[in-house]
C-alpha atoms as a PDB file:
ATOM      1  CA  MET A   1     115.513 106.582  88.036  1.00  0.00           C
ATOM      2  CA  GLU A   2     111.821 106.018  88.498  1.00  0.00           C
ATOM      3  CA  SER A   3     110.149 108.290  91.405  1.00  0.00           C
ATOM      4  CA  HIS A   4     107.668 105.359  92.258  1.00  0.00           C
ATOM      5  CA  PRO A   5     108.773 101.893  92.003  1.00  0.00           C
ATOM      6  CA  SER A   6     105.333 100.447  91.422  1.00  0.00           C
ATOM      7  CA  LEU A   7     104.447 102.457  88.199  1.00  0.00           C
ATOM      8  CA  ARG A   8     105.807  99.913  85.742  1.00  0.00           C
ATOM      9  CA  ALA A   9     104.234  97.066  87.556  1.00  0.00           C
ATOM     10  CA  GLN A  10     100.792  98.536  87.577  1.00  0.00           C
ATOM     11  CA  ALA A  11     100.881  99.641  84.018  1.00  0.00           C
ATOM     12  CA  ALA A  12     101.554  95.673  83.529  1.00  0.00           C
ATOM     13  CA  ALA A  13      98.291  95.007  85.156  1.00  0.00           C
ATOM     14  CA  PHE A  14      96.430  97.677  83.152  1.00  0.00           C
ATOM     15  CA  TYR A  15      97.691  96.410  79.865  1.00  0.00           C
ATOM     16  CA  SER A  16      96.501  92.796  80.914  1.00  0.00           C
ATOM     17  CA  ALA A  17      93.102  94.597  81.383  1.00  0.00           C
ATOM     18  CA  GLY A  18      93.286  95.898  78.048  1.00  0.00           C
ATOM     19  CA  TRP A  19      93.580  99.547  79.055  1.00  0.00           C
ATOM     20  CA  VAL A  20      96.358 101.631  77.729  1.00  0.00           C
ATOM     21  CA  ALA A  21      98.432 103.000  80.872  1.00  0.00           C
ATOM     22  CA  ILE A  22     100.931 106.221  79.785  1.00  0.00           C
ATOM     23  CA  PRO A  23     103.695 107.783  81.967  1.00  0.00           C
ATOM     24  CA  LEU A  24     102.945 111.148  83.453  1.00  0.00           C
ATOM     25  CA  GLY A  25     105.357 113.944  84.486  1.00  0.00           C
ATOM     26  CA  ASN A  26     104.564 117.070  86.623  1.00  0.00           C
ATOM     27  CA  ASP A  27     102.074 120.097  85.314  1.00  0.00           C
ATOM     28  CA  THR A  28     102.404 123.458  85.879  1.00  0.00           C
ATOM     29  CA  GLN A  29     101.219 123.233  89.362  1.00  0.00           C
ATOM     30  CA  GLY A  30     103.479 120.084  90.123  1.00  0.00           C
ATOM     31  CA  PHE A  31     100.632 117.804  90.261  1.00  0.00           C
ATOM     32  CA  PRO A  32     101.757 114.424  88.209  1.00  0.00           C
ATOM     33  CA  LYS A  33      99.034 114.775  85.460  1.00  0.00           C
ATOM     34  CA  ARG A  34     100.869 115.949  82.110  1.00  0.00           C
ATOM     35  CA  PRO A  35     101.623 112.793  79.640  1.00  0.00           C
ATOM     36  CA  LEU A  36     104.934 112.847  78.496  1.00  0.00           C
ATOM     37  CA  ASP A  37     104.384 111.309  75.260  1.00  0.00           C
ATOM     38  CA  THR A  38     102.927 113.862  72.967  1.00  0.00           C
ATOM     39  CA  GLY A  39     101.406 111.115  70.771  1.00  0.00           C
ATOM     40  CA  TRP A  40      99.296 109.691  73.868  1.00  0.00           C
ATOM     41  CA  PRO A  41      95.770 109.718  72.324  1.00  0.00           C
ATOM     42  CA  THR A  42      96.557 107.103  69.416  1.00  0.00           C
ATOM     43  CA  LEU A  43      98.943 105.090  71.446  1.00  0.00           C
ATOM     44  CA  LEU A  44      98.413 101.561  71.507  1.00  0.00           C
ATOM     45  CA  ILE A  45      98.901  99.305  74.287  1.00  0.00           C
ATOM     46  CA  GLU A  46     102.501  97.657  72.544  1.00  0.00           C
ATOM     47  CA  GLN A  47     103.476 101.355  71.868  1.00  0.00           C
ATOM     48  CA  ALA A  48     102.592 102.340  75.575  1.00  0.00           C
ATOM     49  CA  LYS A  49     104.709  99.530  76.824  1.00  0.00           C
ATOM     50  CA  SER A  50     107.591 100.534  74.946  1.00  0.00           C
ATOM     51  CA  SER A  51     107.457 104.311  75.889  1.00  0.00           C
ATOM     52  CA  ALA A  52     111.127 105.757  76.195  1.00  0.00           C
ATOM     53  CA  PHE A  53     109.323 107.897  79.161  1.00  0.00           C
ATOM     54  CA  TRP A  54     109.002 105.415  81.495  1.00  0.00           C
ATOM     55  CA  PRO A  55     112.088 105.583  83.652  1.00  0.00           C
ATOM     56  CA  SER A  56     111.213 109.579  84.173  1.00  0.00           C
ATOM     57  CA  ALA A  57     107.440 108.979  85.038  1.00  0.00           C
ATOM     58  CA  LYS A  58     105.842 110.640  87.966  1.00  0.00           C
ATOM     59  CA  GLY A  59     102.782 109.092  87.660  1.00  0.00           C
ATOM     60  CA  ILE A  60     100.624 106.864  85.419  1.00  0.00           C
ATOM     61  CA  GLY A  61      97.653 107.689  83.360  1.00  0.00           C
ATOM     62  CA  LEU A  62      94.965 105.627  81.820  1.00  0.00           C
ATOM     63  CA  VAL A  63      93.786 106.561  78.398  1.00  0.00           C
ATOM     64  CA  LEU A  64      90.148 106.608  77.904  1.00  0.00           C
ATOM     65  CA  GLY A  65      87.659 105.251  75.014  1.00  0.00           C
ATOM     66  CA  THR A  66      87.787 103.361  72.231  1.00  0.00           C
ATOM     67  CA  VAL A  67      91.852 102.455  72.683  1.00  0.00           C
ATOM     68  CA  SER A  68      91.012 101.095  76.082  1.00  0.00           C
ATOM     69  CA  GLY A  69      88.285  98.840  75.371  1.00  0.00           C
ATOM     70  CA  GLY A  70      85.379 101.564  76.393  1.00  0.00           C
ATOM     71  CA  LEU A  71      87.063 102.711  79.662  1.00  0.00           C
ATOM     72  CA  CYS A  72      85.566 106.105  81.031  1.00  0.00           C
ATOM     73  CA  ALA A  73      85.009 107.792  83.871  1.00  0.00           C
ATOM     74  CA  VAL A  74      83.139 110.672  85.562  1.00  0.00           C
ATOM     75  CA  ASP A  75      85.088 113.170  87.130  1.00  0.00           C
ATOM     76  CA  ILE A  76      83.842 115.120  89.954  1.00  0.00           C
ATOM     77  CA  ASP A  77      85.460 118.309  90.514  1.00  0.00           C
ATOM     78  CA  ASP A  78      83.928 118.848  94.245  1.00  0.00           C
ATOM     79  CA  VAL A  79      85.526 117.437  97.560  1.00  0.00           C
ATOM     80  CA  GLU A  80      82.049 117.729  99.266  1.00  0.00           C
ATOM     81  CA  MET A  81      80.273 116.169  96.141  1.00  0.00           C
ATOM     82  CA  ALA A  82      83.206 113.497  95.913  1.00  0.00           C
ATOM     83  CA  ASP A  83      82.677 112.439  99.519  1.00  0.00           C
ATOM     84  CA  VAL A  84      78.347 111.755  99.053  1.00  0.00           C
ATOM     85  CA  VAL A  85      78.732 110.017  95.509  1.00  0.00           C
ATOM     86  CA  LEU A  86      81.542 107.695  97.187  1.00  0.00           C
ATOM     87  CA  ALA A  87      79.432 107.035 100.604  1.00  0.00           C
ATOM     88  CA  ALA A  88      76.414 106.438  98.099  1.00  0.00           C
ATOM     89  CA  PHE A  89      78.619 103.459  96.136  1.00  0.00           C
ATOM     90  CA  GLN A  90      80.056 102.006  99.219  1.00  0.00           C
ATOM     91  CA  GLU A  91      76.571 101.725 101.071  1.00  0.00           C
ATOM     92  CA  GLN A  92      75.357  99.630  97.624  1.00  0.00           C
ATOM     93  CA  GLY A  93      78.337  97.372  97.894  1.00  0.00           C
ATOM     94  CA  GLY A  94      80.801  99.359  95.723  1.00  0.00           C
ATOM     95  CA  LYS A  95      79.714  98.422  92.194  1.00  0.00           C
ATOM     96  CA  THR A  96      82.406  99.919  90.286  1.00  0.00           C
ATOM     97  CA  ARG A  97      86.075 101.307  90.438  1.00  0.00           C
ATOM     98  CA  VAL A  98      86.722 104.433  92.183  1.00  0.00           C
ATOM     99  CA  VAL A  99      89.515 106.689  92.490  1.00  0.00           C
ATOM    100  CA  ARG A 100      90.484 109.635  94.938  1.00  0.00           C
ATOM    101  CA  THR A 101      92.366 112.194  93.162  1.00  0.00           C
ATOM    102  CA  ILE A 102      94.974 114.052  94.107  1.00  0.00           C
ATOM    103  CA  ARG A 103      93.138 117.121  95.160  1.00  0.00           C
ATOM    104  CA  ASN A 104      90.820 114.531  97.156  1.00  0.00           C
ATOM    105  CA  ARG A 105      87.847 114.535  94.230  1.00  0.00           C
ATOM    106  CA  LEU A 106      86.578 111.786  92.574  1.00  0.00           C
ATOM    107  CA  HIS A 107      86.964 109.685  89.465  1.00  0.00           C
ATOM    108  CA  VAL A 108      84.382 107.181  88.843  1.00  0.00           C
ATOM    109  CA  TYR A 109      85.288 104.238  86.042  1.00  0.00           C
ATOM    110  CA  PHE A 110      83.049 102.354  84.051  1.00  0.00           C
ATOM    111  CA  ILE A 111      83.285 100.718  80.690  1.00  0.00           C
ATOM    112  CA  GLU A 112      80.948 102.235  78.097  1.00  0.00           C
ATOM    113  CA  ARG A 113      79.380 100.254  75.294  1.00  0.00           C
ATOM    114  CA  THR A 114      79.902 102.515  72.512  1.00  0.00           C
ATOM    115  CA  PRO A 115      82.635 105.308  73.537  1.00  0.00           C
ATOM    116  CA  SER A 116      81.351 108.798  73.257  1.00  0.00           C
ATOM    117  CA  PRO A 117      82.979 112.084  72.915  1.00  0.00           C
ATOM    118  CA  SER A 118      84.253 113.717  76.250  1.00  0.00           C
ATOM    119  CA  THR A 119      82.170 116.558  77.616  1.00  0.00           C
ATOM    120  CA  ALA A 120      81.777 119.210  80.350  1.00  0.00           C
ATOM    121  CA  PHE A 121      79.076 120.792  82.077  1.00  0.00           C
ATOM    122  CA  LYS A 122      77.920 122.492  85.346  1.00  0.00           C
ATOM    123  CA  VAL A 123      75.764 121.318  88.121  1.00  0.00           C
ATOM    124  CA  MET A 124      74.038 122.171  90.884  1.00  0.00           C
ATOM    125  CA  PHE A 125      74.722 120.381  94.449  1.00  0.00           C
ATOM    126  CA  GLN A 126      73.776 121.686  97.833  1.00  0.00           C
ATOM    127  CA  GLY A 127      73.325 125.241  96.449  1.00  0.00           C
ATOM    128  CA  ARG A 128      76.677 125.177  94.621  1.00  0.00           C
ATOM    129  CA  GLU A 129      77.817 125.288  91.283  1.00  0.00           C
ATOM    130  CA  ILE A 130      80.093 122.019  90.488  1.00  0.00           C
ATOM    131  CA  GLY A 131      81.822 121.245  87.384  1.00  0.00           C
ATOM    132  CA  ILE A 132      81.203 117.440  86.157  1.00  0.00           C
ATOM    133  CA  GLU A 133      83.528 116.036  83.115  1.00  0.00           C
ATOM    134  CA  LEU A 134      82.240 112.838  81.605  1.00  0.00           C
ATOM    135  CA  LYS A 135      85.693 111.326  80.167  1.00  0.00           C
ATOM    136  CA  SER A 136      85.827 109.010  77.690  1.00  0.00           C
ATOM    137  CA  ASN A 137      87.539 109.661  73.864  1.00  0.00           C
ATOM    138  CA  GLY A 138      90.357 111.959  73.763  1.00  0.00           C
ATOM    139  CA  THR A 139      90.784 112.342  77.315  1.00  0.00           C
ATOM    140  CA  GLN A 140      93.292 110.680  80.141  1.00  0.00           C
ATOM    141  CA  VAL A 141      93.167 110.325  83.532  1.00  0.00           C
ATOM    142  CA  ALA A 142      95.982 110.374  86.188  1.00  0.00           C
ATOM    143  CA  THR A 143      95.302 107.219  88.579  1.00  0.00           C
ATOM    144  CA  HIS A 144      96.549 104.896  91.379  1.00  0.00           C
ATOM    145  CA  PRO A 145      99.488 104.262  92.267  1.00  0.00           C
ATOM    146  CA  THR A 146     100.277 108.016  91.198  1.00  0.00           C
ATOM    147  CA  GLN A 147     101.167 109.794  94.487  1.00  0.00           C
ATOM    148  CA  GLY A 148      98.417 111.584  95.600  1.00  0.00           C
ATOM    149  CA  TYR A 149      95.727 108.806  94.281  1.00  0.00           C
ATOM    150  CA  ALA A 150      93.990 106.433  96.121  1.00  0.00           C
ATOM    151  CA  LEU A 151      91.788 103.683  95.175  1.00  0.00           C
ATOM    152  CA  ALA A 152      88.650 104.096  97.253  1.00  0.00           C
ATOM    153  CA  ILE A 153      86.975 101.377  95.942  1.00  0.00           C
ATOM    154  CA  ASP A 154      88.551  98.362  94.103  1.00  0.00           C
ATOM    155  CA  LEU A 155      86.276  96.713  91.947  1.00  0.00           C
ATOM    156  CA  PRO A 156      86.344  96.329  88.066  1.00  0.00           C
ATOM    157  CA  PRO A 157      84.359  98.935  86.206  1.00  0.00           C
ATOM    158  CA  MET A 158      80.617  98.717  85.567  1.00  0.00           C
ATOM    159  CA  ALA A 159      79.531  98.165  82.364  1.00  0.00           C
ATOM    160  CA  VAL A 160      77.069 100.730  81.172  1.00  0.00           C
ATOM    161  CA  PRO A 161      75.094 101.299  78.017  1.00  0.00           C
ATOM    162  CA  THR A 162      76.727 105.021  77.906  1.00  0.00           C
ATOM    163  CA  LEU A 163      78.788 107.285  80.222  1.00  0.00           C
ATOM    164  CA  ALA A 164      76.117 109.757  80.538  1.00  0.00           C
ATOM    165  CA  ALA A 165      72.995 107.315  81.240  1.00  0.00           C
ATOM    166  CA  ALA A 166      75.734 106.450  84.387  1.00  0.00           C
ATOM    167  CA  TRP A 167      76.183 109.993  85.419  1.00  0.00           C
ATOM    168  CA  GLU A 168      72.668 110.383  85.513  1.00  0.00           C
ATOM    169  CA  SER A 169      72.090 107.714  87.478  1.00  0.00           C
ATOM    170  CA  ILE A 170      74.597 109.148  90.040  1.00  0.00           C
ATOM    171  CA  ALA A 171      72.852 112.663  89.638  1.00  0.00           C
ATOM    172  CA  ARG A 172      69.697 111.346  90.810  1.00  0.00           C
ATOM    173  CA  LYS A 173      71.016 109.637  93.669  1.00  0.00           C
ATOM    174  CA  VAL A 174      72.903 112.477  95.215  1.00  0.00           C
ATOM    175  CA  GLY A 175      70.469 115.170  94.301  1.00  0.00           C
ATOM    176  CA  ALA A 176      72.883 117.030  91.625  1.00  0.00           C
ATOM    177  CA  VAL A 177      70.602 118.983  89.071  1.00  0.00           C
ATOM    178  CA  GLU A 178      72.289 119.902  85.725  1.00  0.00           C
ATOM    179  CA  LYS A 179      72.297 123.714  84.789  1.00  0.00           C
ATOM    180  CA  GLU A 180      70.109 124.692  81.758  1.00  0.00           C
ATOM    181  CA  ASN A 181      72.755 126.548  80.407  1.00  0.00           C
ATOM    182  CA  GLY A 182      75.634 124.247  81.264  1.00  0.00           C
ATOM    183  CA  ARG A 183      75.008 121.536  78.477  1.00  0.00           C
ATOM    184  CA  ARG A 184      77.415 120.277  77.331  1.00  0.00           C
ATOM    185  CA  GLY A 185      81.008 121.542  76.046  1.00  0.00           C
ATOM    186  CA  ASN A 186      83.002 119.129  73.978  1.00  0.00           C
ATOM    187  CA  TYR A 187      86.435 119.072  74.789  1.00  0.00           C
ATOM    188  CA  PRO A 188      89.295 120.610  72.471  1.00  0.00           C
ATOM    189  CA  PRO A 189      91.689 118.462  70.743  1.00  0.00           C
ATOM    190  CA  PRO A 190      94.454 117.378  73.560  1.00  0.00           C
ATOM    191  CA  PHE A 191      97.102 119.678  72.095  1.00  0.00           C
ATOM    192  CA  ARG A 192      96.999 122.950  70.910  1.00  0.00           C
ATOM    193  CA  SER A 193      99.381 126.074  70.319  1.00  0.00           C
ATOM    194  CA  LYS A 194      97.743 128.133  72.864  1.00  0.00           C
ATOM    195  CA  VAL A 195      95.855 127.374  75.789  1.00  0.00           C
ATOM    196  CA  GLU A 196      93.358 130.034  76.554  1.00  0.00           C
ATOM    197  CA  GLU A 197      93.135 131.147  80.694  1.00  0.00           C
ATOM    198  CA  GLY A 198      91.211 128.355  82.542  1.00  0.00           C
ATOM    199  CA  SER A 199      91.426 125.411  80.165  1.00  0.00           C
ATOM    200  CA  ARG A 200      94.258 123.809  81.996  1.00  0.00           C
ATOM    201  CA  ASN A 201      92.181 120.630  82.584  1.00  0.00           C
ATOM    202  CA  LYS A 202      90.892 120.347  78.917  1.00  0.00           C
ATOM    203  CA  SER A 203      93.838 120.376  76.967  1.00  0.00           C
END
């Protein structure tokens, strides 16, 4: 029996928007973030709809990039910075879709004109080093209504020329400075036979 009865209904809404929604299970830390279908990077909407894994889903994910019409997200891996970024968007009337994550961090969604490779890097914010991920092709993110995820701004994702440009605009608004040696690591392939220590969120 599905642990969250609204998952299939929300998946249908995502499919209507042109986004590939996939069923998620719990990861090794007990968070509902792990794709149940190992073929998720290349799933099309019709294939995702008929996934045999939906009845056992603990959460719902969105496959980003080309398969979802350029859907992409800035992943801010810090609670305090997430608070500041969310407040900045709220003060400007929202402008785009924003989701609070299970650890109270932030995914800020956009539609990218030409989907880009996903990257990860470090920035300095209020004297601390913080991880930022620009998630597009080759990645997926857990999202609302997965338990622990909350829709902070319920608007369509804003269209942007590039995800990098969208991030740079956010960084200027909140005073985040990218580290000189922090740029920019491409994501590894989604599945590997061995995952190095510290690479949980990158594979």
